[in-house]
Structures are given as structure tokens and as C-alpha cells.
Protein backbone atom coordinates (compact mmCIF):
# COMPACT_ATOMS: atom_id res chain seq x y z
CA GLN A 1 22.34 172.91 77.98
CA VAL A 2 25.49 172.95 75.88
CA GLN A 3 26.70 169.51 74.85
CA LEU A 4 29.28 168.14 72.45
CA VAL A 5 29.09 164.49 71.47
CA GLU A 6 31.81 162.72 69.50
CA SER A 7 31.28 159.58 67.46
CA GLY A 8 32.95 157.57 64.73
CA GLY A 9 35.91 156.10 66.56
CA GLY A 10 36.91 152.46 66.37
CA LEU A 11 39.61 149.95 65.56
CA VAL A 12 41.33 150.33 62.21
CA GLN A 13 44.44 148.88 60.60
CA PRO A 14 47.43 151.06 59.78
CA GLY A 15 46.78 152.92 56.56
CA GLY A 16 43.05 152.88 57.13
CA SER A 17 40.60 155.75 57.51
CA LEU A 18 37.97 156.96 59.93
CA ARG A 19 35.67 159.95 60.07
CA LEU A 20 34.92 161.42 63.47
CA SER A 21 31.87 163.58 64.10
CA CYS A 22 31.30 166.22 66.74
CA ALA A 23 27.62 166.95 67.19
CA ALA A 24 26.42 169.96 69.14
CA SER A 25 23.29 170.64 71.12
CA GLY A 26 22.21 173.62 73.15
CA PHE A 27 24.01 176.12 70.96
CA THR A 28 24.57 177.01 67.32
CA LEU A 29 27.82 175.36 66.38
CA ASP A 30 28.65 177.58 63.45
CA TYR A 31 29.02 180.65 65.67
CA TYR A 32 32.15 179.18 67.24
CA ALA A 33 35.54 177.75 66.40
CA ILE A 34 35.86 174.04 67.17
CA THR A 35 39.05 172.20 68.03
CA TRP A 36 39.81 168.49 68.01
CA PHE A 37 42.20 167.25 70.70
CA ARG A 38 43.51 163.80 71.42
CA GLN A 39 45.05 162.07 74.38
CA ALA A 40 47.07 158.90 74.15
CA PRO A 41 47.73 156.69 77.20
CA GLY A 42 50.36 158.22 79.43
CA LYS A 43 50.58 161.40 77.36
CA GLU A 44 49.22 164.90 77.65
CA ARG A 45 46.20 166.02 75.67
CA GLU A 46 47.30 167.66 72.43
CA GLY A 47 45.59 169.79 69.82
CA VAL A 48 45.05 168.06 66.50
CA SER A 49 43.07 170.46 64.35
CA CYS A 50 40.76 173.46 64.57
CA ILE A 51 38.28 175.18 62.33
CA SER A 52 37.02 178.75 62.48
CA SER A 53 33.37 179.63 62.93
CA SER A 54 33.01 180.36 59.23
CA GLY A 55 34.94 177.27 58.21
CA GLY A 56 37.27 179.44 56.19
CA THR A 57 40.32 178.87 58.37
CA THR A 58 41.71 175.52 59.44
CA ASN A 59 44.86 174.49 61.25
CA TYR A 60 46.56 171.17 61.84
CA ALA A 61 49.25 169.76 64.05
CA ASP A 62 52.39 168.89 62.08
CA SER A 63 51.91 165.23 62.93
CA VAL A 64 48.60 165.04 61.03
CA LYS A 65 49.07 167.52 58.18
CA GLY A 66 48.23 166.00 54.85
CA ARG A 67 46.38 163.09 56.47
CA PHE A 68 43.56 164.69 58.48
CA THR A 69 40.89 167.09 57.24
CA ILE A 70 38.55 169.09 59.45
CA SER A 71 35.26 170.37 58.08
CA ARG A 72 31.82 171.55 59.06
CA ASP A 73 28.74 171.07 56.95
CA ASN A 74 25.93 172.67 58.94
CA ALA A 75 25.15 174.37 62.22
CA LYS A 76 25.35 171.16 64.25
CA THR A 77 28.28 168.98 63.16
CA VAL A 78 32.03 169.22 62.72
CA TYR A 79 33.97 166.35 61.17
CA LEU A 80 37.53 165.09 61.31
CA ARG A 81 38.42 162.89 58.38
CA MET A 82 41.50 160.81 59.18
CA ASN A 83 43.34 159.02 56.38
CA ASN A 84 46.50 156.92 56.35
CA LEU A 85 46.18 156.28 60.05
CA LYS A 86 49.26 155.26 62.00
CA PRO A 87 49.63 153.41 65.30
CA GLU A 88 50.76 156.67 66.90
CA ASP A 89 47.33 158.15 66.13
CA THR A 90 45.85 155.83 68.74
CA ALA A 91 44.16 158.01 71.34
CA VAL A 92 40.88 159.25 72.71
CA TYR A 93 39.71 162.11 70.50
CA TYR A 94 37.76 165.03 71.95
CA CYS A 95 36.08 168.04 70.44
CA TYR A 96 36.20 171.33 72.27
CA ALA A 97 34.46 174.69 72.12
CA PHE A 98 34.96 177.91 74.07
CA ILE A 99 31.56 179.52 74.39
CA ARG A 100 30.78 182.69 76.31
CA SER A 101 33.80 182.32 78.63
CA TYR A 102 33.24 178.61 79.30
CA SER A 103 35.12 175.59 78.00
CA TYR A 104 33.09 172.66 76.76
CA TRP A 105 34.43 169.18 76.04
CA GLY A 106 32.78 166.12 74.62
CA GLN A 107 33.12 162.73 76.29
CA GLY A 108 35.62 161.50 73.71
CA THR A 109 35.74 158.69 71.18
CA GLN A 110 38.44 156.02 71.13
CA VAL A 111 40.53 155.55 68.00
CA THR A 112 42.80 152.51 67.92
CA VAL A 113 45.16 151.90 65.02
CA SER A 114 46.57 148.39 65.12
CA SER A 115 47.14 145.40 62.90
């Protein structure tokens, strides 16, 4: 059974950092591109960053460029390092994979940036 599980969210002050993890089970993560999305209250879900299956290609939303870094270090985990966090980064963060014609989402992890 394919599963994605996010972790690492929490409450952080503006300017702080967090590292989110997306752990996979039921499939080999490094065969597939992985995308991080986020959804803030009252807003649509938006793409934040994605990484290719090889890890050689990454992309970022303009709003997080220079602050967030996506990476993968083995066949089971993708990370999103978030630095210089801002209140507008507050959202539930999800990882996503499209595998053999199906879309898979994790349950999400809450990130709250507030003083």
C-alpha cells in the first residue's frame, strides 16, 4: 500500500527554520518526482517545490525561492528545509506523488509562523 507521511511541522517565530520530511512506504520513492504543496486557511492549495526522481532538477515557487530547499537523501525520504520563515508561510504542508496514474497525498503537517 502506497503511503506518504509528512512530519516536522510546528510553531516557529518569524525568521526561524524548520525541516519537513516526507517518508514513503509501499513504493520506491526515488523512482518518482515528489512535490510539496501547502494550503493556508481560506486559500487554495499551492505548489511550493518539487524534485525530480534523480534529484537533479528542483523547482520552487517564487514566494519561497532562496529560503526553501528541497532534497532527497535515499529511497524513502524527501525533505523541505525552510529558512527565514514568514507569517505568510503558515499553512498545512503536504507531499504529493503521481505513481502509475494515481495521485497520492500525505495527511499533511501544520506549520505556524508567529511571534
